[in-house]
Amino acid sequence: MESPTLSTLEFSPLRNDLKSILRETRFITDRIKKKQEDDQVMSDWKFASAVLDRFFLWFFFVFILICTGAVLLTVPGIFVSGGELET
């Protein structure tokens, strides 16, 4: 076996530095990918909540109209002509 030459010994610290840089770069890219995935999920939930919010707004509006109409229609004598209530 040959012993390490001077040139390979000189590049050993450089190789360790490059490995460290590669490891850090992978870590950063993994974090960015994870953040993008989380942002996409958050965006999907915001859209779903906006759809549900609009649905419940319309449901509430229709419910209030029906209840108001029902209350007004159950008042006795509301449709009596002449302005007098029948007794």
N, C-alpha and C. Protein backbone atom coordinates (compact mmCIF):
# COMPACT_ATOMS: atom_id res chain seq x y z
N MET A 1 0.83 -1.18 0.00
CA MET A 1 0.00 0.00 0.00
C MET A 1 0.87 1.23 0.00
N GLU A 2 0.33 2.18 -0.68
CA GLU A 2 1.07 3.44 -0.74
C GLU A 2 0.64 4.33 0.40
N SER A 3 1.57 5.08 0.86
CA SER A 3 1.24 6.05 1.90
C SER A 3 0.64 7.29 1.25
N PRO A 4 -0.18 8.03 1.98
CA PRO A 4 -0.79 9.22 1.41
C PRO A 4 0.29 10.22 0.99
N THR A 5 0.09 10.77 -0.13
CA THR A 5 1.05 11.77 -0.63
C THR A 5 0.70 13.12 -0.06
N LEU A 6 1.55 14.03 -0.33
CA LEU A 6 1.38 15.39 0.18
C LEU A 6 0.13 16.04 -0.41
N SER A 7 -0.15 15.76 -1.68
CA SER A 7 -1.29 16.41 -2.33
C SER A 7 -2.62 15.94 -1.73
N THR A 8 -2.75 14.67 -1.38
CA THR A 8 -4.00 14.21 -0.78
C THR A 8 -4.14 14.71 0.65
N LEU A 9 -3.06 14.87 1.34
CA LEU A 9 -3.13 15.42 2.69
C LEU A 9 -3.54 16.89 2.67
N GLU A 10 -3.15 17.61 1.63
CA GLU A 10 -3.51 19.02 1.53
C GLU A 10 -5.01 19.18 1.27
N PHE A 11 -5.61 18.26 0.55
CA PHE A 11 -7.01 18.38 0.19
C PHE A 11 -7.96 17.79 1.24
N SER A 12 -7.45 17.11 2.22
CA SER A 12 -8.29 16.50 3.24
C SER A 12 -9.11 17.55 4.02
N PRO A 13 -8.53 18.64 4.49
CA PRO A 13 -9.34 19.65 5.17
C PRO A 13 -10.35 20.31 4.22
N LEU A 14 -9.93 20.47 2.97
CA LEU A 14 -10.84 21.05 1.99
C LEU A 14 -12.03 20.12 1.75
N ARG A 15 -11.75 18.83 1.69
CA ARG A 15 -12.82 17.86 1.50
C ARG A 15 -13.80 17.88 2.68
N ASN A 16 -13.27 17.99 3.89
CA ASN A 16 -14.15 18.07 5.07
C ASN A 16 -14.99 19.34 5.04
N ASP A 17 -14.39 20.43 4.61
CA ASP A 17 -15.14 21.68 4.49
C ASP A 17 -16.24 21.56 3.44
N LEU A 18 -15.93 20.94 2.32
CA LEU A 18 -16.93 20.77 1.28
C LEU A 18 -18.08 19.87 1.76
N LYS A 19 -17.76 18.82 2.50
CA LYS A 19 -18.80 17.96 3.06
C LYS A 19 -19.68 18.73 4.03
N SER A 20 -19.05 19.55 4.82
CA SER A 20 -19.81 20.37 5.78
C SER A 20 -20.73 21.35 5.04
N ILE A 21 -20.21 21.98 4.00
CA ILE A 21 -21.01 22.92 3.21
C ILE A 21 -22.17 22.19 2.54
N LEU A 22 -21.91 21.01 2.01
CA LEU A 22 -22.96 20.23 1.37
C LEU A 22 -24.05 19.84 2.37
N ARG A 23 -23.63 19.44 3.56
CA ARG A 23 -24.58 19.06 4.60
C ARG A 23 -25.46 20.26 5.00
N GLU A 24 -24.84 21.42 5.16
CA GLU A 24 -25.59 22.63 5.51
C GLU A 24 -26.53 23.06 4.38
N THR A 25 -26.07 22.91 3.15
CA THR A 25 -26.91 23.26 2.00
C THR A 25 -28.13 22.35 1.93
N ARG A 26 -27.93 21.07 2.16
CA ARG A 26 -29.06 20.14 2.19
C ARG A 26 -30.04 20.49 3.30
N PHE A 27 -29.50 20.86 4.46
CA PHE A 27 -30.35 21.24 5.58
C PHE A 27 -31.21 22.45 5.22
N ILE A 28 -30.58 23.46 4.60
CA ILE A 28 -31.30 24.67 4.23
C ILE A 28 -32.37 24.37 3.18
N THR A 29 -32.02 23.57 2.16
CA THR A 29 -33.00 23.26 1.12
C THR A 29 -34.16 22.42 1.69
N ASP A 30 -33.87 21.52 2.61
CA ASP A 30 -34.94 20.75 3.25
C ASP A 30 -35.87 21.66 4.04
N ARG A 31 -35.30 22.63 4.73
CA ARG A 31 -36.11 23.59 5.50
C ARG A 31 -36.99 24.42 4.57
N ILE A 32 -36.44 24.85 3.44
CA ILE A 32 -37.21 25.66 2.48
C ILE A 32 -38.34 24.83 1.89
N LYS A 33 -38.06 23.57 1.54
CA LYS A 33 -39.11 22.69 1.00
C LYS A 33 -40.21 22.47 2.03
N LYS A 34 -39.84 22.24 3.28
CA LYS A 34 -40.81 22.03 4.35
C LYS A 34 -41.66 23.28 4.54
N LYS A 35 -41.04 24.44 4.50
CA LYS A 35 -41.78 25.71 4.65
C LYS A 35 -42.76 25.89 3.50
N GLN A 36 -42.35 25.57 2.28
CA GLN A 36 -43.24 25.70 1.13
C GLN A 36 -44.44 24.74 1.25
N GLU A 37 -44.19 23.53 1.71
CA GLU A 37 -45.27 22.57 1.90
C GLU A 37 -46.24 23.07 2.98
N ASP A 38 -45.69 23.59 4.08
CA ASP A 38 -46.53 24.12 5.15
C ASP A 38 -47.35 25.31 4.65
N ASP A 39 -46.75 26.18 3.85
CA ASP A 39 -47.46 27.33 3.29
C ASP A 39 -48.59 26.87 2.37
N GLN A 40 -48.36 25.81 1.61
CA GLN A 40 -49.40 25.30 0.72
C GLN A 40 -50.57 24.74 1.52
N VAL A 41 -50.28 24.00 2.56
CA VAL A 41 -51.34 23.45 3.42
C VAL A 41 -52.12 24.58 4.08
N MET A 42 -51.40 25.61 4.56
CA MET A 42 -52.07 26.74 5.19
C MET A 42 -52.96 27.47 4.18
N SER A 43 -52.49 27.60 2.96
CA SER A 43 -53.28 28.25 1.92
C SER A 43 -54.54 27.45 1.61
N ASP A 44 -54.42 26.14 1.57
CA ASP A 44 -55.59 25.28 1.32
C ASP A 44 -56.62 25.43 2.44
N TRP A 45 -56.16 25.47 3.68
CA TRP A 45 -57.09 25.62 4.80
C TRP A 45 -57.74 27.00 4.80
N LYS A 46 -57.00 28.02 4.41
CA LYS A 46 -57.59 29.36 4.32
C LYS A 46 -58.69 29.40 3.27
N PHE A 47 -58.46 28.73 2.15
CA PHE A 47 -59.49 28.68 1.11
C PHE A 47 -60.72 27.94 1.61
N ALA A 48 -60.51 26.81 2.27
CA ALA A 48 -61.63 26.03 2.80
C ALA A 48 -62.41 26.83 3.83
N SER A 49 -61.72 27.58 4.68
CA SER A 49 -62.43 28.38 5.68
C SER A 49 -63.20 29.51 5.03
N ALA A 50 -62.67 30.09 3.95
CA ALA A 50 -63.39 31.15 3.24
C ALA A 50 -64.67 30.59 2.60
N VAL A 51 -64.60 29.40 2.05
CA VAL A 51 -65.78 28.77 1.44
C VAL A 51 -66.83 28.50 2.51
N LEU A 52 -66.42 27.93 3.63
CA LEU A 52 -67.37 27.65 4.71
C LEU A 52 -67.95 28.94 5.29
N ASP A 53 -67.13 29.96 5.40
CA ASP A 53 -67.60 31.23 5.91
C ASP A 53 -68.68 31.81 5.01
N ARG A 54 -68.47 31.77 3.71
CA ARG A 54 -69.47 32.26 2.76
C ARG A 54 -70.75 31.43 2.83
N PHE A 55 -70.61 30.11 2.93
CA PHE A 55 -71.79 29.23 3.04
C PHE A 55 -72.61 29.57 4.28
N PHE A 56 -71.96 29.71 5.43
CA PHE A 56 -72.69 30.00 6.66
C PHE A 56 -73.28 31.40 6.66
N LEU A 57 -72.65 32.34 5.96
CA LEU A 57 -73.23 33.67 5.83
C LEU A 57 -74.56 33.59 5.10
N TRP A 58 -74.58 32.86 3.98
CA TRP A 58 -75.83 32.72 3.23
C TRP A 58 -76.86 31.92 4.02
N PHE A 59 -76.44 30.89 4.71
CA PHE A 59 -77.36 30.11 5.55
C PHE A 59 -78.00 31.00 6.61
N PHE A 60 -77.19 31.80 7.27
CA PHE A 60 -77.70 32.71 8.30
C PHE A 60 -78.67 33.72 7.70
N PHE A 61 -78.34 34.28 6.55
CA PHE A 61 -79.18 35.26 5.89
C PHE A 61 -80.55 34.66 5.55
N VAL A 62 -80.56 33.49 4.96
CA VAL A 62 -81.82 32.82 4.60
C VAL A 62 -82.61 32.46 5.86
N PHE A 63 -81.95 31.97 6.88
CA PHE A 63 -82.61 31.62 8.13
C PHE A 63 -83.27 32.84 8.77
N ILE A 64 -82.59 33.96 8.80
CA ILE A 64 -83.15 35.19 9.38
C ILE A 64 -84.37 35.66 8.56
N LEU A 65 -84.27 35.58 7.23
CA LEU A 65 -85.41 35.98 6.40
C LEU A 65 -86.62 35.09 6.66
N ILE A 66 -86.41 33.79 6.74
CA ILE A 66 -87.52 32.86 6.99
C ILE A 66 -88.13 33.10 8.37
N CYS A 67 -87.29 33.26 9.36
CA CYS A 67 -87.80 33.48 10.72
C CYS A 67 -88.54 34.81 10.82
N THR A 68 -88.01 35.85 10.20
CA THR A 68 -88.69 37.15 10.20
C THR A 68 -90.04 37.05 9.51
N GLY A 69 -90.07 36.39 8.37
CA GLY A 69 -91.33 36.20 7.67
C GLY A 69 -92.32 35.40 8.49
N ALA A 70 -91.85 34.35 9.15
CA ALA A 70 -92.74 33.52 9.97
C ALA A 70 -93.30 34.32 11.13
N VAL A 71 -92.49 35.14 11.77
CA VAL A 71 -92.97 35.94 12.89
C VAL A 71 -93.99 36.96 12.41
N LEU A 72 -93.71 37.62 11.31
CA LEU A 72 -94.64 38.63 10.79
C LEU A 72 -95.95 38.00 10.31
N LEU A 73 -95.89 36.81 9.76
CA LEU A 73 -97.11 36.16 9.27
C LEU A 73 -97.97 35.58 10.39
N THR A 74 -97.42 35.36 11.56
CA THR A 74 -98.19 34.80 12.67
C THR A 74 -98.82 35.87 13.54
N VAL A 75 -98.56 37.13 13.26
CA VAL A 75 -99.19 38.20 14.03
C VAL A 75 -100.68 38.20 13.70
N PRO A 76 -101.55 38.14 14.71
CA PRO A 76 -102.99 38.09 14.43
C PRO A 76 -103.50 39.41 13.87
N GLY A 77 -104.30 39.33 12.83
CA GLY A 77 -104.94 40.49 12.27
C GLY A 77 -104.06 41.39 11.44
N ILE A 78 -102.93 40.92 10.99
CA ILE A 78 -102.03 41.78 10.23
C ILE A 78 -102.60 42.11 8.85
N PHE A 79 -103.48 41.23 8.35
CA PHE A 79 -104.03 41.45 7.03
C PHE A 79 -105.48 41.93 7.06
N VAL A 80 -105.94 42.41 8.19
CA VAL A 80 -107.31 42.89 8.32
C VAL A 80 -107.41 44.28 7.70
N SER A 81 -108.36 44.49 6.82
CA SER A 81 -108.51 45.80 6.21
C SER A 81 -109.21 46.76 7.14
N GLY A 82 -108.98 48.03 7.00
CA GLY A 82 -109.62 49.02 7.82
C GLY A 82 -108.84 49.38 9.06
N GLY A 83 -107.78 48.66 9.32
CA GLY A 83 -106.91 49.01 10.44
C GLY A 83 -107.44 48.56 11.79
N GLU A 84 -108.58 47.88 11.85
CA GLU A 84 -109.12 47.41 13.12
C GLU A 84 -108.89 45.92 13.27
N LEU A 85 -108.61 45.52 14.46
CA LEU A 85 -108.43 44.11 14.76
C LEU A 85 -109.78 43.47 15.05
N GLU A 86 -109.99 42.27 14.61
CA GLU A 86 -111.22 41.53 14.91
C GLU A 86 -111.09 40.96 16.30
N THR A 87 -112.16 41.01 17.05
CA THR A 87 -112.13 40.44 18.39
C THR A 87 -113.12 39.33 18.55
